[in-house]
């Protein structure tokens, strides 16, 4: 069951498990805020809004 959940998570993210997850600790390039909500280059709660 645990391995199934991990595989599903890998498929959802489209990344290999060995690949790092930089968005967990990345700084928003627009506001400089370090947040777990910074994801795929878009800081959700950024003053400038998501950079998509």
PDB file of N, CA and C in Angstrom:
ATOM      1  N   UNK A   1       0.841  -1.203   0.000  1.00  0.00           N
ATOM      2  CA  UNK A   1       0.000   0.000   0.000  1.00  0.00           C
ATOM      3  C   UNK A   1       0.871   1.246   0.000  1.00  0.00           C
ATOM      4  N   UNK A   2       1.891   1.239   0.826  1.00  0.00           N
ATOM      5  CA  UNK A   2       2.760   2.405   0.916  1.00  0.00           C
ATOM      6  C   UNK A   2       3.472   2.668  -0.406  1.00  0.00           C
ATOM      7  N   UNK A   3       3.972   1.606  -1.032  1.00  0.00           N
ATOM      8  CA  UNK A   3       4.669   1.781  -2.311  1.00  0.00           C
ATOM      9  C   UNK A   3       3.700   2.259  -3.383  1.00  0.00           C
ATOM     10  N   UNK A   4       2.451   1.830  -3.319  1.00  0.00           N
ATOM     11  CA  UNK A   4       1.448   2.281  -4.287  1.00  0.00           C
ATOM     12  C   UNK A   4       1.214   3.780  -4.148  1.00  0.00           C
ATOM     13  N   UNK A   5       1.123   4.246  -2.918  1.00  0.00           N
ATOM     14  CA  UNK A   5       0.915   5.669  -2.688  1.00  0.00           C
ATOM     15  C   UNK A   5       2.105   6.476  -3.185  1.00  0.00           C
ATOM     16  N   UNK A   6       3.318   5.954  -2.942  1.00  0.00           N
ATOM     17  CA  UNK A   6       4.510   6.674  -3.401  1.00  0.00           C
ATOM     18  C   UNK A   6       4.536   6.733  -4.920  1.00  0.00           C
ATOM     19  N   UNK A   7       4.179   5.630  -5.575  1.00  0.00           N
ATOM     20  CA  UNK A   7       4.181   5.618  -7.038  1.00  0.00           C
ATOM     21  C   UNK A   7       3.153   6.597  -7.578  1.00  0.00           C
ATOM     22  N   UNK A   8       1.998   6.663  -6.947  1.00  0.00           N
ATOM     23  CA  UNK A   8       0.969   7.598  -7.382  1.00  0.00           C
ATOM     24  C   UNK A   8       1.458   9.027  -7.231  1.00  0.00           C
ATOM     25  N   UNK A   9       2.142   9.300  -6.138  1.00  0.00           N
ATOM     26  CA  UNK A   9       2.675  10.643  -5.917  1.00  0.00           C
ATOM     27  C   UNK A   9       3.693  10.993  -6.989  1.00  0.00           C
ATOM     28  N   UNK A  10       4.530  10.030  -7.363  1.00  0.00           N
ATOM     29  CA  UNK A  10       5.528  10.274  -8.397  1.00  0.00           C
ATOM     30  C   UNK A  10       4.864  10.538  -9.741  1.00  0.00           C
ATOM     31  N   UNK A  11       3.804   9.810 -10.044  1.00  0.00           N
ATOM     32  CA  UNK A  11       3.111  10.014 -11.315  1.00  0.00           C
ATOM     33  C   UNK A  11       2.434  11.384 -11.334  1.00  0.00           C
ATOM     34  N   UNK A  12       1.872  11.773 -10.185  1.00  0.00           N
ATOM     35  CA  UNK A  12       1.172  13.049 -10.128  1.00  0.00           C
ATOM     36  C   UNK A  12       2.136  14.203 -10.329  1.00  0.00           C
ATOM     37  N   UNK A  13       3.318  14.095  -9.723  1.00  0.00           N
ATOM     38  CA  UNK A  13       4.286  15.190  -9.824  1.00  0.00           C
ATOM     39  C   UNK A  13       5.066  15.113 -11.124  1.00  0.00           C
ATOM     40  N   UNK A  14       5.073  13.936 -11.760  1.00  0.00           N
ATOM     41  CA  UNK A  14       5.792  13.779 -13.017  1.00  0.00           C
ATOM     42  C   UNK A  14       7.299  13.807 -12.822  1.00  0.00           C
ATOM     43  N   UNK A  15       7.761  13.507 -11.599  1.00  0.00           N
ATOM     44  CA  UNK A  15       9.198  13.550 -11.317  1.00  0.00           C
ATOM     45  C   UNK A  15       9.638  12.226 -10.716  1.00  0.00           C
ATOM     46  N   UNK A  16      10.882  11.866 -10.963  1.00  0.00           N
ATOM     47  CA  UNK A  16      11.449  10.689 -10.331  1.00  0.00           C
ATOM     48  C   UNK A  16      11.638  10.967  -8.839  1.00  0.00           C
ATOM     49  N   UNK A  17      11.524   9.914  -8.045  1.00  0.00           N
ATOM     50  CA  UNK A  17      11.605  10.110  -6.596  1.00  0.00           C
ATOM     51  C   UNK A  17      12.984  10.623  -6.187  1.00  0.00           C
ATOM     52  N   UNK A  18      14.003  10.278  -6.950  1.00  0.00           N
ATOM     53  CA  UNK A  18      15.368  10.684  -6.607  1.00  0.00           C
ATOM     54  C   UNK A  18      15.608  12.151  -6.940  1.00  0.00           C
ATOM     55  N   UNK A  19      14.744  12.734  -7.758  1.00  0.00           N
ATOM     56  CA  UNK A  19      14.927  14.136  -8.139  1.00  0.00           C
ATOM     57  C   UNK A  19      14.553  15.054  -6.985  1.00  0.00           C
ATOM     58  N   UNK A  20      15.324  16.100  -6.748  1.00  0.00           N
ATOM     59  CA  UNK A  20      15.024  17.008  -5.647  1.00  0.00           C
ATOM     60  C   UNK A  20      13.737  17.786  -5.877  1.00  0.00           C
ATOM     61  N   UNK A  21      13.180  18.315  -4.813  1.00  0.00           N
ATOM     62  CA  UNK A  21      11.938  19.075  -4.903  1.00  0.00           C
ATOM     63  C   UNK A  21      12.229  20.510  -4.483  1.00  0.00           C
ATOM     64  N   UNK A  22      12.762  21.337  -5.393  1.00  0.00           N
ATOM     65  CA  UNK A  22      13.247  22.672  -5.030  1.00  0.00           C
ATOM     66  C   UNK A  22      12.147  23.605  -4.560  1.00  0.00           C
ATOM     67  N   UNK A  23      10.890  23.356  -4.952  1.00  0.00           N
ATOM     68  CA  UNK A  23       9.825  24.285  -4.599  1.00  0.00           C
ATOM     69  C   UNK A  23       9.514  24.245  -3.094  1.00  0.00           C
ATOM     70  N   UNK A  24      10.009  23.190  -2.409  1.00  0.00           N
ATOM     71  CA  UNK A  24       9.730  23.105  -0.984  1.00  0.00           C
ATOM     72  C   UNK A  24      10.497  24.169  -0.201  1.00  0.00           C
ATOM     73  N   UNK A  25      11.637  24.604  -0.746  1.00  0.00           N
ATOM     74  CA  UNK A  25      12.453  25.580  -0.020  1.00  0.00           C
ATOM     75  C   UNK A  25      12.862  26.750  -0.907  1.00  0.00           C
ATOM     76  N   UNK A  26      12.256  26.863  -2.084  1.00  0.00           N
ATOM     77  CA  UNK A  26      12.668  27.889  -3.045  1.00  0.00           C
ATOM     78  C   UNK A  26      12.170  29.267  -2.637  1.00  0.00           C
ATOM     79  N   UNK A  27      12.918  30.294  -3.036  1.00  0.00           N
ATOM     80  CA  UNK A  27      12.480  31.677  -2.820  1.00  0.00           C
ATOM     81  C   UNK A  27      11.748  32.174  -4.057  1.00  0.00           C
ATOM     82  N   UNK A  28      10.675  32.901  -3.833  1.00  0.00           N
ATOM     83  CA  UNK A  28       9.959  33.494  -4.951  1.00  0.00           C
ATOM     84  C   UNK A  28      10.846  34.545  -5.606  1.00  0.00           C
ATOM     85  N   UNK A  29      11.062  34.469  -6.929  1.00  0.00           N
ATOM     86  CA  UNK A  29      11.938  35.414  -7.619  1.00  0.00           C
ATOM     87  C   UNK A  29      11.370  36.834  -7.652  1.00  0.00           C
ATOM     88  N   UNK A  30      10.070  36.972  -7.396  1.00  0.00           N
ATOM     89  CA  UNK A  30       9.455  38.293  -7.450  1.00  0.00           C
ATOM     90  C   UNK A  30       9.449  38.983  -6.098  1.00  0.00           C
ATOM     91  N   UNK A  31       9.071  38.270  -5.051  1.00  0.00           N
ATOM     92  CA  UNK A  31       8.958  38.921  -3.743  1.00  0.00           C
ATOM     93  C   UNK A  31      10.025  38.442  -2.770  1.00  0.00           C
ATOM     94  N   UNK A  32      10.780  37.371  -3.140  1.00  0.00           N
ATOM     95  CA  UNK A  32      11.855  36.896  -2.297  1.00  0.00           C
ATOM     96  C   UNK A  32      11.387  36.103  -1.094  1.00  0.00           C
ATOM     97  N   UNK A  33      10.104  35.818  -1.033  1.00  0.00           N
ATOM     98  CA  UNK A  33       9.568  35.073   0.107  1.00  0.00           C
ATOM     99  C   UNK A  33       9.858  33.589  -0.040  1.00  0.00           C
ATOM    100  N   UNK A  34      10.323  32.971   1.043  1.00  0.00           N
ATOM    101  CA  UNK A  34      10.574  31.532   1.036  1.00  0.00           C
ATOM    102  C   UNK A  34       9.344  30.832   1.614  1.00  0.00           C
ATOM    103  N   UNK A  35       8.697  30.020   0.804  1.00  0.00           N
ATOM    104  CA  UNK A  35       7.436  29.435   1.232  1.00  0.00           C
ATOM    105  C   UNK A  35       7.252  28.050   0.647  1.00  0.00           C
ATOM    106  N   UNK A  36       6.585  27.168   1.380  1.00  0.00           N
ATOM    107  CA  UNK A  36       6.265  25.838   0.862  1.00  0.00           C
ATOM    108  C   UNK A  36       5.221  25.945  -0.242  1.00  0.00           C
ATOM    109  N   UNK A  37       4.538  27.068  -0.324  1.00  0.00           N
ATOM    110  CA  UNK A  37       3.516  27.239  -1.356  1.00  0.00           C
ATOM    111  C   UNK A  37       4.113  27.677  -2.685  1.00  0.00           C
ATOM    112  N   UNK A  38       5.442  27.940  -2.671  1.00  0.00           N
ATOM    113  CA  UNK A  38       6.124  28.262  -3.924  1.00  0.00           C
ATOM    114  C   UNK A  38       6.216  26.974  -4.722  1.00  0.00           C
ATOM    115  N   UNK A  39       5.507  26.885  -5.824  1.00  0.00           N
ATOM    116  CA  UNK A  39       5.393  25.614  -6.539  1.00  0.00           C
ATOM    117  C   UNK A  39       5.422  25.845  -8.040  1.00  0.00           C
ATOM    118  N   UNK A  40       6.311  25.121  -8.734  1.00  0.00           N
ATOM    119  CA  UNK A  40       6.419  25.187 -10.190  1.00  0.00           C
ATOM    120  C   UNK A  40       6.615  26.625 -10.676  1.00  0.00           C
ATOM    121  N   UNK A  41       7.420  27.397  -9.943  1.00  0.00           N
ATOM    122  CA  UNK A  41       7.749  28.745 -10.381  1.00  0.00           C
ATOM    123  C   UNK A  41       6.683  29.782 -10.098  1.00  0.00           C
ATOM    124  N   UNK A  42       5.645  29.424  -9.337  1.00  0.00           N
ATOM    125  CA  UNK A  42       4.603  30.399  -9.038  1.00  0.00           C
ATOM    126  C   UNK A  42       4.364  30.431  -7.535  1.00  0.00           C
ATOM    127  N   UNK A  43       4.681  31.553  -6.895  1.00  0.00           N
ATOM    128  CA  UNK A  43       4.446  31.703  -5.465  1.00  0.00           C
ATOM    129  C   UNK A  43       2.986  32.073  -5.271  1.00  0.00           C
ATOM    130  N   UNK A  44       2.214  31.163  -4.686  1.00  0.00           N
ATOM    131  CA  UNK A  44       0.764  31.324  -4.602  1.00  0.00           C
ATOM    132  C   UNK A  44       0.358  32.616  -3.897  1.00  0.00           C
ATOM    133  N   UNK A  45       1.048  32.919  -2.792  1.00  0.00           N
ATOM    134  CA  UNK A  45       0.654  34.090  -2.002  1.00  0.00           C
ATOM    135  C   UNK A  45       1.551  35.294  -2.258  1.00  0.00           C
ATOM    136  N   UNK A  46       2.129  35.363  -3.453  1.00  0.00           N
ATOM    137  CA  UNK A  46       3.041  36.454  -3.782  1.00  0.00           C
ATOM    138  C   UNK A  46       2.246  37.742  -4.025  1.00  0.00           C
ATOM    139  N   UNK A  47       2.842  38.877  -3.642  1.00  0.00           N
ATOM    140  CA  UNK A  47       2.198  40.176  -3.880  1.00  0.00           C
ATOM    141  C   UNK A  47       1.962  40.395  -5.372  1.00  0.00           C
ATOM    142  N   UNK A  48       2.849  39.821  -6.204  1.00  0.00           N
ATOM    143  CA  UNK A  48       2.767  40.033  -7.648  1.00  0.00           C
ATOM    144  C   UNK A  48       1.845  39.026  -8.320  1.00  0.00           C
ATOM    145  N   UNK A  49       1.311  38.112  -7.532  1.00  0.00           N
ATOM    146  CA  UNK A  49       0.449  37.082  -8.101  1.00  0.00           C
ATOM    147  C   UNK A  49       1.272  35.961  -8.710  1.00  0.00           C
ATOM    148  N   UNK A  50       0.631  34.856  -9.087  1.00  0.00           N
ATOM    149  CA  UNK A  50       1.334  33.722  -9.671  1.00  0.00           C
ATOM    150  C   UNK A  50       2.009  34.095 -10.989  1.00  0.00           C
ATOM    151  N   UNK A  51       3.257  33.681 -11.144  1.00  0.00           N
ATOM    152  CA  UNK A  51       3.968  33.975 -12.399  1.00  0.00           C
ATOM    153  C   UNK A  51       3.873  32.764 -13.312  1.00  0.00           C
ATOM    154  N   UNK A  52       2.788  32.683 -14.045  1.00  0.00           N
ATOM    155  CA  UNK A  52       2.544  31.522 -14.920  1.00  0.00           C
ATOM    156  C   UNK A  52       2.781  31.921 -16.372  1.00  0.00           C
TER     157      UNK A  52
END
